[in-house]
Amino acid sequence: EQFDRVTIYRTLQTFVEKGIVHTIPTADNSVLYALCKDNCSQGHHH
């Protein structure tokens, strides 16, 4: 009710790029997202 699909997608992509969330592949080729720990940064996921 608050945000459209594109806004959510762009927000997730920004969070991945900045090291705020990381992606998790699944067996059906979809992607899950989880919160990163503090040592991740832009372009460097740990």
All heavy atoms as atom14 arrays in JSON, in Angstrom:
{
  "sequence": "EQFDRVTIYRTLQTFVEKGIVHTIPTADNSVLYALCKDNCSQGHHH",
  "atom14_mask": [
    [1, 1, 1, 1, 1, 1, 1, 1, 1, 0, 0, 0, 0, 0],
    [1, 1, 1, 1, 1, 1, 1, 1, 1, 0, 0, 0, 0, 0],
    [1, 1, 1, 1, 1, 1, 1, 1, 1, 1, 1, 0, 0, 0],
    [1, 1, 1, 1, 1, 1, 1, 1, 0, 0, 0, 0, 0, 0],
    [1, 1, 1, 1, 1, 1, 1, 1, 1, 1, 1, 0, 0, 0],
    [1, 1, 1, 1, 1, 1, 1, 0, 0, 0, 0, 0, 0, 0],
    [1, 1, 1, 1, 1, 1, 1, 0, 0, 0, 0, 0, 0, 0],
    [1, 1, 1, 1, 1, 1, 1, 1, 0, 0, 0, 0, 0, 0],
    [1, 1, 1, 1, 1, 1, 1, 1, 1, 1, 1, 1, 0, 0],
    [1, 1, 1, 1, 1, 1, 1, 1, 1, 1, 1, 0, 0, 0],
    [1, 1, 1, 1, 1, 1, 1, 0, 0, 0, 0, 0, 0, 0],
    [1, 1, 1, 1, 1, 1, 1, 1, 0, 0, 0, 0, 0, 0],
    [1, 1, 1, 1, 1, 1, 1, 1, 1, 0, 0, 0, 0, 0],
    [1, 1, 1, 1, 1, 1, 1, 0, 0, 0, 0, 0, 0, 0],
    [1, 1, 1, 1, 1, 1, 1, 1, 1, 1, 1, 0, 0, 0],
    [1, 1, 1, 1, 1, 1, 1, 0, 0, 0, 0, 0, 0, 0],
    [1, 1, 1, 1, 1, 1, 1, 1, 1, 0, 0, 0, 0, 0],
    [1, 1, 1, 1, 1, 1, 1, 1, 1, 0, 0, 0, 0, 0],
    [1, 1, 1, 1, 0, 0, 0, 0, 0, 0, 0, 0, 0, 0],
    [1, 1, 1, 1, 1, 1, 1, 1, 0, 0, 0, 0, 0, 0],
    [1, 1, 1, 1, 1, 1, 1, 0, 0, 0, 0, 0, 0, 0],
    [1, 1, 1, 1, 1, 1, 1, 1, 1, 1, 0, 0, 0, 0],
    [1, 1, 1, 1, 1, 1, 1, 0, 0, 0, 0, 0, 0, 0],
    [1, 1, 1, 1, 1, 1, 1, 1, 0, 0, 0, 0, 0, 0],
    [1, 1, 1, 1, 1, 1, 1, 0, 0, 0, 0, 0, 0, 0],
    [1, 1, 1, 1, 1, 1, 1, 0, 0, 0, 0, 0, 0, 0],
    [1, 1, 1, 1, 1, 0, 0, 0, 0, 0, 0, 0, 0, 0],
    [1, 1, 1, 1, 1, 1, 1, 1, 0, 0, 0, 0, 0, 0],
    [1, 1, 1, 1, 1, 1, 1, 1, 0, 0, 0, 0, 0, 0],
    [1, 1, 1, 1, 1, 1, 0, 0, 0, 0, 0, 0, 0, 0],
    [1, 1, 1, 1, 1, 1, 1, 0, 0, 0, 0, 0, 0, 0],
    [1, 1, 1, 1, 1, 1, 1, 1, 0, 0, 0, 0, 0, 0],
    [1, 1, 1, 1, 1, 1, 1, 1, 1, 1, 1, 1, 0, 0],
    [1, 1, 1, 1, 1, 0, 0, 0, 0, 0, 0, 0, 0, 0],
    [1, 1, 1, 1, 1, 1, 1, 1, 0, 0, 0, 0, 0, 0],
    [1, 1, 1, 1, 1, 1, 0, 0, 0, 0, 0, 0, 0, 0],
    [1, 1, 1, 1, 1, 1, 1, 1, 1, 0, 0, 0, 0, 0],
    [1, 1, 1, 1, 1, 1, 1, 1, 0, 0, 0, 0, 0, 0],
    [1, 1, 1, 1, 1, 1, 1, 1, 0, 0, 0, 0, 0, 0],
    [1, 1, 1, 1, 1, 1, 0, 0, 0, 0, 0, 0, 0, 0],
    [1, 1, 1, 1, 1, 1, 0, 0, 0, 0, 0, 0, 0, 0],
    [1, 1, 1, 1, 1, 1, 1, 1, 1, 0, 0, 0, 0, 0],
    [1, 1, 1, 1, 0, 0, 0, 0, 0, 0, 0, 0, 0, 0],
    [1, 1, 1, 1, 1, 1, 1, 1, 1, 1, 0, 0, 0, 0],
    [1, 1, 1, 1, 1, 1, 1, 1, 1, 1, 0, 0, 0, 0],
    [1, 1, 1, 1, 1, 1, 1, 1, 1, 1, 0, 0, 0, 0]
  ],
  "atom14_positions": [
    [[0.82, -1.21, 0.0], [0.0, 0.0, 0.0], [0.85, 1.26, 0.0], [0.4, 2.32, -0.4], [-0.94, 0.0, 1.21], [-1.99, -1.09, 1.11], [-2.92, -1.1, 2.31], [-2.96, -0.09, 3.04], [-3.59, -2.11, 2.51], [0.0, 0.0, 0.0], [0.0, 0.0, 0.0], [0.0, 0.0, 0.0], [0.0, 0.0, 0.0], [0.0, 0.0, 0.0]],
    [[2.11, 1.13, 0.43], [2.99, 2.3, 0.53], [3.87, 2.48, -0.7], [4.06, 3.61, -1.15], [3.9, 2.16, 1.75], [3.18, 2.13, 3.07], [4.15, 1.82, 4.18], [4.69, 0.72, 4.23], [4.37, 2.78, 5.06], [0.0, 0.0, 0.0], [0.0, 0.0, 0.0], [0.0, 0.0, 0.0], [0.0, 0.0, 0.0], [0.0, 0.0, 0.0]],
    [[4.43, 1.38, -1.22], [5.45, 1.5, -2.27], [5.17, 0.52, -3.4], [4.72, -0.6, -3.18], [6.84, 1.21, -1.69], [7.1, 1.93, -0.41], [7.22, 1.24, 0.78], [7.19, 3.31, -0.37], [7.43, 1.9, 1.98], [7.4, 3.98, 0.82], [7.53, 3.28, 2.0], [0.0, 0.0, 0.0], [0.0, 0.0, 0.0], [0.0, 0.0, 0.0]],
    [[5.48, 0.95, -4.62], [5.27, 0.06, -5.77], [6.46, -0.88, -5.94], [7.5, -0.73, -5.31], [5.01, 0.88, -7.04], [6.18, 1.78, -7.43], [7.35, 1.38, -7.26], [5.92, 2.89, -7.92], [0.0, 0.0, 0.0], [0.0, 0.0, 0.0], [0.0, 0.0, 0.0], [0.0, 0.0, 0.0], [0.0, 0.0, 0.0], [0.0, 0.0, 0.0]],
    [[6.28, -1.85, -6.81], [7.27, -2.9, -7.05], [8.63, -2.33, -7.49], [9.67, -2.8, -7.05], [6.7, -3.84, -8.12], [7.68, -4.78, -8.71], [7.02, -5.72, -9.68], [7.0, -6.98, -8.98], [6.19, -7.95, -9.19], [5.28, -7.84, -10.12], [6.27, -9.06, -8.53], [0.0, 0.0, 0.0], [0.0, 0.0, 0.0], [0.0, 0.0, 0.0]],
    [[8.62, -1.32, -8.33], [9.87, -0.73, -8.84], [10.64, -0.03, -7.72], [11.86, -0.16, -7.62], [9.59, 0.23, -10.01], [10.85, 0.95, -10.45], [8.97, -0.53, -11.18], [0.0, 0.0, 0.0], [0.0, 0.0, 0.0], [0.0, 0.0, 0.0], [0.0, 0.0, 0.0], [0.0, 0.0, 0.0], [0.0, 0.0, 0.0], [0.0, 0.0, 0.0]],
    [[9.94, 0.68, -6.87], [10.59, 1.35, -5.73], [11.26, 0.33, -4.83], [12.4, 0.52, -4.39], [9.57, 2.19, -4.94], [9.01, 3.18, -5.81], [10.21, 2.86, -3.74], [0.0, 0.0, 0.0], [0.0, 0.0, 0.0], [0.0, 0.0, 0.0], [0.0, 0.0, 0.0], [0.0, 0.0, 0.0], [0.0, 0.0, 0.0], [0.0, 0.0, 0.0]],
    [[10.56, -0.76, -4.56], [11.13, -1.82, -3.71], [12.36, -2.42, -4.38], [13.4, -2.58, -3.75], [10.06, -2.9, -3.41], [8.94, -2.3, -2.57], [10.7, -4.1, -2.71], [7.7, -3.17, -2.48], [0.0, 0.0, 0.0], [0.0, 0.0, 0.0], [0.0, 0.0, 0.0], [0.0, 0.0, 0.0], [0.0, 0.0, 0.0], [0.0, 0.0, 0.0]],
    [[12.26, -2.73, -5.66], [13.39, -3.31, -6.4], [14.61, -2.37, -6.36], [15.72, -2.79, -6.05], [12.99, -3.59, -7.85], [14.14, -4.1, -8.68], [14.56, -5.42, -8.59], [14.83, -3.25, -9.54], [15.63, -5.89, -9.33], [15.9, -3.7, -10.28], [16.3, -5.02, -10.18], [17.36, -5.47, -10.91], [0.0, 0.0, 0.0], [0.0, 0.0, 0.0]],
    [[14.4, -1.11, -6.65], [15.51, -0.14, -6.66], [16.12, 0.03, -5.27], [17.33, 0.14, -5.12], [15.03, 1.21, -7.19], [14.78, 1.18, -8.67], [14.38, 2.55, -9.17], [14.12, 2.5, -10.61], [13.32, 3.32, -11.25], [12.71, 4.3, -10.59], [13.15, 3.21, -12.54], [0.0, 0.0, 0.0], [0.0, 0.0, 0.0], [0.0, 0.0, 0.0]],
    [[15.27, 0.02, -4.26], [15.76, 0.13, -2.88], [16.62, -1.08, -2.54], [17.72, -0.93, -1.98], [14.59, 0.26, -1.89], [13.83, 1.43, -2.23], [15.09, 0.37, -0.46], [0.0, 0.0, 0.0], [0.0, 0.0, 0.0], [0.0, 0.0, 0.0], [0.0, 0.0, 0.0], [0.0, 0.0, 0.0], [0.0, 0.0, 0.0], [0.0, 0.0, 0.0]],
    [[16.17, -2.28, -2.89], [16.95, -3.49, -2.62], [18.29, -3.46, -3.36], [19.33, -3.8, -2.8], [16.16, -4.74, -3.0], [14.97, -5.06, -2.1], [14.14, -6.18, -2.7], [15.43, -5.41, -0.7], [0.0, 0.0, 0.0], [0.0, 0.0, 0.0], [0.0, 0.0, 0.0], [0.0, 0.0, 0.0], [0.0, 0.0, 0.0], [0.0, 0.0, 0.0]],
    [[18.27, -3.05, -4.63], [19.52, -2.98, -5.41], [20.49, -1.98, -4.78], [21.69, -2.24, -4.69], [19.23, -2.61, -6.86], [18.54, -3.71, -7.63], [19.26, -5.04, -7.51], [18.77, -5.96, -6.89], [20.43, -5.15, -8.07], [0.0, 0.0, 0.0], [0.0, 0.0, 0.0], [0.0, 0.0, 0.0], [0.0, 0.0, 0.0], [0.0, 0.0, 0.0]],
    [[19.98, -0.85, -4.33], [20.82, 0.15, -3.66], [21.4, -0.43, -2.38], [22.6, -0.26, -2.1], [20.01, 1.42, -3.36], [19.54, 1.96, -4.59], [20.84, 2.45, -2.61], [0.0, 0.0, 0.0], [0.0, 0.0, 0.0], [0.0, 0.0, 0.0], [0.0, 0.0, 0.0], [0.0, 0.0, 0.0], [0.0, 0.0, 0.0], [0.0, 0.0, 0.0]],
    [[20.59, -1.12, -1.6], [21.07, -1.72, -0.35], [22.14, -2.77, -0.62], [23.11, -2.87, 0.12], [19.91, -2.34, 0.43], [19.01, -1.35, 1.13], [17.87, -1.78, 1.78], [19.29, 0.02, 1.15], [17.04, -0.89, 2.44], [18.46, 0.92, 1.79], [17.34, 0.47, 2.45], [0.0, 0.0, 0.0], [0.0, 0.0, 0.0], [0.0, 0.0, 0.0]],
    [[21.99, -3.55, -1.68], [23.02, -4.55, -2.03], [24.31, -3.84, -2.42], [25.4, -4.19, -1.95], [22.54, -5.48, -3.17], [23.69, -6.33, -3.71], [21.41, -6.38, -2.68], [0.0, 0.0, 0.0], [0.0, 0.0, 0.0], [0.0, 0.0, 0.0], [0.0, 0.0, 0.0], [0.0, 0.0, 0.0], [0.0, 0.0, 0.0], [0.0, 0.0, 0.0]],
    [[24.21, -2.84, -3.28], [25.39, -2.1, -3.73], [26.13, -1.44, -2.57], [27.36, -1.4, -2.56], [24.99, -1.02, -4.75], [24.54, -1.59, -6.08], [23.89, -0.54, -6.97], [23.96, 0.68, -6.65], [23.29, -0.94, -7.99], [0.0, 0.0, 0.0], [0.0, 0.0, 0.0], [0.0, 0.0, 0.0], [0.0, 0.0, 0.0], [0.0, 0.0, 0.0]],
    [[25.41, -0.95, -1.6], [26.01, -0.25, -0.47], [26.48, -1.18, 0.64], [27.08, -0.74, 1.61], [25.02, 0.78, 0.12], [24.71, 1.93, -0.8], [25.9, 2.85, -0.94], [25.55, 4.12, -1.68], [26.66, 5.07, -1.7], [0.0, 0.0, 0.0], [0.0, 0.0, 0.0], [0.0, 0.0, 0.0], [0.0, 0.0, 0.0], [0.0, 0.0, 0.0]],
    [[26.19, -2.48, 0.52], [26.62, -3.42, 1.56], [25.72, -3.43, 2.78], [26.15, -3.8, 3.87], [0.0, 0.0, 0.0], [0.0, 0.0, 0.0], [0.0, 0.0, 0.0], [0.0, 0.0, 0.0], [0.0, 0.0, 0.0], [0.0, 0.0, 0.0], [0.0, 0.0, 0.0], [0.0, 0.0, 0.0], [0.0, 0.0, 0.0], [0.0, 0.0, 0.0]],
    [[24.45, -3.06, 2.58], [23.5, -3.07, 3.69], [22.79, -4.43, 3.76], [22.52, -4.94, 4.83], [22.48, -1.92, 3.54], [23.22, -0.57, 3.61], [21.4, -2.0, 4.61], [22.37, 0.63, 3.26], [0.0, 0.0, 0.0], [0.0, 0.0, 0.0], [0.0, 0.0, 0.0], [0.0, 0.0, 0.0], [0.0, 0.0, 0.0], [0.0, 0.0, 0.0]],
    [[22.47, -5.0, 2.6], [21.91, -6.34, 2.54], [22.72, -7.17, 1.55], [23.42, -6.63, 0.69], [20.4, -6.36, 2.13], [19.55, -5.62, 3.12], [20.2, -5.86, 0.73], [0.0, 0.0, 0.0], [0.0, 0.0, 0.0], [0.0, 0.0, 0.0], [0.0, 0.0, 0.0], [0.0, 0.0, 0.0], [0.0, 0.0, 0.0], [0.0, 0.0, 0.0]],
    [[22.64, -8.49, 1.7], [23.3, -9.38, 0.75], [22.27, -10.32, 0.14], [21.18, -10.5, 0.68], [24.45, -10.17, 1.38], [24.06, -11.07, 2.5], [23.88, -10.63, 3.8], [23.81, -12.4, 2.53], [23.55, -11.65, 4.57], [23.49, -12.74, 3.83], [0.0, 0.0, 0.0], [0.0, 0.0, 0.0], [0.0, 0.0, 0.0], [0.0, 0.0, 0.0]],
    [[22.62, -10.88, -1.01], [21.7, -11.77, -1.71], [22.0, -13.22, -1.38], [23.13, -13.58, -1.06], [21.79, -11.57, -3.23], [23.14, -11.81, -3.64], [21.36, -10.17, -3.63], [0.0, 0.0, 0.0], [0.0, 0.0, 0.0], [0.0, 0.0, 0.0], [0.0, 0.0, 0.0], [0.0, 0.0, 0.0], [0.0, 0.0, 0.0], [0.0, 0.0, 0.0]],
    [[20.96, -14.03, -1.47], [21.07, -15.46, -1.25], [20.38, -16.14, -2.42], [19.18, -15.94, -2.63], [20.37, -15.88, 0.07], [20.95, -15.09, 1.25], [20.49, -17.37, 0.29], [20.09, -15.15, 2.5], [0.0, 0.0, 0.0], [0.0, 0.0, 0.0], [0.0, 0.0, 0.0], [0.0, 0.0, 0.0], [0.0, 0.0, 0.0], [0.0, 0.0, 0.0]],
    [[21.1, -16.94, -3.2], [20.46, -17.63, -4.32], [19.59, -18.78, -3.81], [19.84, -19.33, -2.75], [21.65, -18.16, -5.12], [22.74, -18.32, -4.13], [22.53, -17.24, -3.09], [0.0, 0.0, 0.0], [0.0, 0.0, 0.0], [0.0, 0.0, 0.0], [0.0, 0.0, 0.0], [0.0, 0.0, 0.0], [0.0, 0.0, 0.0], [0.0, 0.0, 0.0]],
    [[18.56, -19.11, -4.57], [17.69, -20.23, -4.2], [17.67, -21.25, -5.32], [18.09, -20.97, -6.44], [16.26, -19.74, -3.91], [15.72, -19.2, -5.12], [16.22, -18.7, -2.83], [0.0, 0.0, 0.0], [0.0, 0.0, 0.0], [0.0, 0.0, 0.0], [0.0, 0.0, 0.0], [0.0, 0.0, 0.0], [0.0, 0.0, 0.0], [0.0, 0.0, 0.0]],
    [[17.14, -22.42, -5.03], [17.1, -23.51, -6.01], [16.26, -23.16, -7.24], [16.51, -23.66, -8.33], [16.57, -24.77, -5.35], [0.0, 0.0, 0.0], [0.0, 0.0, 0.0], [0.0, 0.0, 0.0], [0.0, 0.0, 0.0], [0.0, 0.0, 0.0], [0.0, 0.0, 0.0], [0.0, 0.0, 0.0], [0.0, 0.0, 0.0], [0.0, 0.0, 0.0]],
    [[15.27, -22.29, -7.07], [14.41, -21.93, -8.2], [14.89, -20.66, -8.93], [14.14, -20.03, -9.65], [12.97, -21.77, -7.74], [12.77, -20.62, -6.77], [13.75, -19.98, -6.37], [11.6, -20.37, -6.4], [0.0, 0.0, 0.0], [0.0, 0.0, 0.0], [0.0, 0.0, 0.0], [0.0, 0.0, 0.0], [0.0, 0.0, 0.0], [0.0, 0.0, 0.0]],
    [[16.15, -20.31, -8.71], [16.79, -19.15, -9.36], [16.19, -17.8, -8.97], [16.35, -16.83, -9.68], [16.81, -19.29, -10.88], [17.74, -20.38, -11.32], [18.79, -20.6, -10.72], [17.36, -21.1, -12.37], [0.0, 0.0, 0.0], [0.0, 0.0, 0.0], [0.0, 0.0, 0.0], [0.0, 0.0, 0.0], [0.0, 0.0, 0.0], [0.0, 0.0, 0.0]],
    [[15.5, -17.75, -7.84], [15.07, -16.46, -7.33], [16.13, -15.98, -6.33], [17.12, -16.66, -6.1], [13.69, -16.56, -6.68], [13.72, -17.44, -5.59], [0.0, 0.0, 0.0], [0.0, 0.0, 0.0], [0.0, 0.0, 0.0], [0.0, 0.0, 0.0], [0.0, 0.0, 0.0], [0.0, 0.0, 0.0], [0.0, 0.0, 0.0], [0.0, 0.0, 0.0]],
    [[15.92, -14.83, -5.78], [16.9, -14.25, -4.87], [16.21, -13.87, -3.57], [15.11, -13.32, -3.57], [17.55, -12.99, -5.49], [18.5, -12.32, -4.51], [18.28, -13.34, -6.78], [0.0, 0.0, 0.0], [0.0, 0.0, 0.0], [0.0, 0.0, 0.0], [0.0, 0.0, 0.0], [0.0, 0.0, 0.0], [0.0, 0.0, 0.0], [0.0, 0.0, 0.0]],
    [[16.88, -14.15, -2.47], [16.45, -13.69, -1.17], [17.44, -12.64, -0.7], [18.58, -12.61, -1.16], [16.4, -14.85, -0.17], [15.41, -15.96, -0.49], [15.63, -17.13, 0.46], [13.99, -15.45, -0.39], [0.0, 0.0, 0.0], [0.0, 0.0, 0.0], [0.0, 0.0, 0.0], [0.0, 0.0, 0.0], [0.0, 0.0, 0.0], [0.0, 0.0, 0.0]],
    [[17.01, -11.81, 0.23], [17.86, -10.74, 0.75], [17.92, -10.85, 2.27], [16.92, -11.12, 2.92], [17.28, -9.37, 0.38], [17.16, -9.16, -1.11], [16.02, -9.55, -1.79], [18.19, -8.57, -1.83], [15.9, -9.36, -3.17], [18.08, -8.38, -3.2], [16.93, -8.78, -3.86], [16.82, -8.6, -5.22], [0.0, 0.0, 0.0], [0.0, 0.0, 0.0]],
    [[19.11, -10.62, 2.82], [19.29, -10.64, 4.27], [20.18, -9.46, 4.67], [21.04, -9.02, 3.9], [19.92, -11.95, 4.72], [0.0, 0.0, 0.0], [0.0, 0.0, 0.0], [0.0, 0.0, 0.0], [0.0, 0.0, 0.0], [0.0, 0.0, 0.0], [0.0, 0.0, 0.0], [0.0, 0.0, 0.0], [0.0, 0.0, 0.0], [0.0, 0.0, 0.0]],
    [[19.98, -8.99, 5.87], [20.74, -7.87, 6.4], [22.2, -8.24, 6.57], [22.52, -9.31, 7.08], [20.13, -7.47, 7.74], [20.37, -6.07, 8.27], [19.9, -5.02, 7.28], [19.64, -5.9, 9.59], [0.0, 0.0, 0.0], [0.0, 0.0, 0.0], [0.0, 0.0, 0.0], [0.0, 0.0, 0.0], [0.0, 0.0, 0.0], [0.0, 0.0, 0.0]],
    [[23.1, -7.39, 6.12], [24.54, -7.6, 6.29], [24.95, -7.2, 7.71], [24.25, -6.45, 8.39], [25.34, -6.75, 5.32], [25.24, -7.26, 3.61], [0.0, 0.0, 0.0], [0.0, 0.0, 0.0], [0.0, 0.0, 0.0], [0.0, 0.0, 0.0], [0.0, 0.0, 0.0], [0.0, 0.0, 0.0], [0.0, 0.0, 0.0], [0.0, 0.0, 0.0]],
    [[26.09, -7.67, 8.1], [26.68, -7.23, 9.37], [27.45, -5.94, 9.11], [27.61, -5.5, 7.98], [27.6, -8.32, 9.93], [26.85, -9.58, 10.28], [25.79, -9.29, 11.32], [24.85, -10.44, 11.51], [23.62, -10.06, 12.16], [0.0, 0.0, 0.0], [0.0, 0.0, 0.0], [0.0, 0.0, 0.0], [0.0, 0.0, 0.0], [0.0, 0.0, 0.0]],
    [[27.97, -5.35, 10.16], [28.61, -4.04, 10.06], [29.86, -3.99, 9.2], [30.25, -2.94, 8.76], [28.95, -3.52, 11.46], [27.69, -3.17, 12.25], [26.67, -2.86, 11.61], [27.73, -3.21, 13.47], [0.0, 0.0, 0.0], [0.0, 0.0, 0.0], [0.0, 0.0, 0.0], [0.0, 0.0, 0.0], [0.0, 0.0, 0.0], [0.0, 0.0, 0.0]],
    [[30.51, -5.14, 8.95], [31.78, -5.07, 8.24], [31.63, -5.07, 6.72], [32.61, -5.04, 6.0], [32.71, -6.21, 8.68], [32.11, -7.58, 8.4], [30.93, -7.71, 8.15], [32.95, -8.6, 8.46], [0.0, 0.0, 0.0], [0.0, 0.0, 0.0], [0.0, 0.0, 0.0], [0.0, 0.0, 0.0], [0.0, 0.0, 0.0], [0.0, 0.0, 0.0]],
    [[30.41, -5.07, 6.2], [30.2, -4.96, 4.76], [30.17, -3.48, 4.38], [29.78, -2.63, 5.17], [28.88, -5.62, 4.35], [28.88, -7.4, 4.54], [0.0, 0.0, 0.0], [0.0, 0.0, 0.0], [0.0, 0.0, 0.0], [0.0, 0.0, 0.0], [0.0, 0.0, 0.0], [0.0, 0.0, 0.0], [0.0, 0.0, 0.0], [0.0, 0.0, 0.0]],
    [[30.6, -3.22, 3.15], [30.59, -1.84, 2.67], [30.32, -1.86, 1.18], [30.21, -2.92, 0.57], [31.94, -1.17, 2.97], [32.98, -1.86, 2.3], [0.0, 0.0, 0.0], [0.0, 0.0, 0.0], [0.0, 0.0, 0.0], [0.0, 0.0, 0.0], [0.0, 0.0, 0.0], [0.0, 0.0, 0.0], [0.0, 0.0, 0.0], [0.0, 0.0, 0.0]],
    [[30.27, -0.69, 0.59], [29.96, -0.59, -0.82], [30.93, -1.42, -1.65], [32.14, -1.23, -1.59], [30.0, 0.86, -1.28], [29.56, 1.04, -2.71], [29.31, 2.49, -3.06], [29.16, 3.33, -2.19], [29.25, 2.77, -4.34], [0.0, 0.0, 0.0], [0.0, 0.0, 0.0], [0.0, 0.0, 0.0], [0.0, 0.0, 0.0], [0.0, 0.0, 0.0]],
    [[30.39, -2.37, -2.4], [31.2, -3.21, -3.27], [31.98, -4.3, -2.56], [32.69, -5.07, -3.21], [0.0, 0.0, 0.0], [0.0, 0.0, 0.0], [0.0, 0.0, 0.0], [0.0, 0.0, 0.0], [0.0, 0.0, 0.0], [0.0, 0.0, 0.0], [0.0, 0.0, 0.0], [0.0, 0.0, 0.0], [0.0, 0.0, 0.0], [0.0, 0.0, 0.0]],
    [[31.88, -4.39, -1.24], [32.65, -5.39, -0.49], [31.77, -6.08, 0.55], [31.6, -5.59, 1.65], [33.85, -4.73, 0.21], [34.79, -4.09, -0.74], [35.66, -4.79, -1.51], [34.97, -2.78, -1.05], [36.36, -3.96, -2.27], [35.95, -2.73, -2.01], [0.0, 0.0, 0.0], [0.0, 0.0, 0.0], [0.0, 0.0, 0.0], [0.0, 0.0, 0.0]],
    [[31.21, -7.21, 0.14], [30.42, -7.99, 1.07], [31.32, -8.99, 1.77], [32.17, -9.62, 1.16], [29.29, -8.73, 0.34], [28.18, -7.82, -0.07], [27.14, -7.52, 0.76], [27.96, -7.13, -1.2], [26.32, -6.69, 0.14], [26.79, -6.44, -1.05], [0.0, 0.0, 0.0], [0.0, 0.0, 0.0], [0.0, 0.0, 0.0], [0.0, 0.0, 0.0]],
    [[31.14, -9.11, 3.07], [31.94, -10.05, 3.87], [31.02, -11.02, 4.61], [31.29, -11.4, 5.73], [32.82, -9.28, 4.87], [33.73, -8.31, 4.19], [34.83, -8.71, 3.49], [33.68, -6.96, 4.08], [35.44, -7.65, 2.98], [34.75, -6.58, 3.33], [0.0, 0.0, 0.0], [0.0, 0.0, 0.0], [0.0, 0.0, 0.0], [0.0, 0.0, 0.0]]
  ]
}
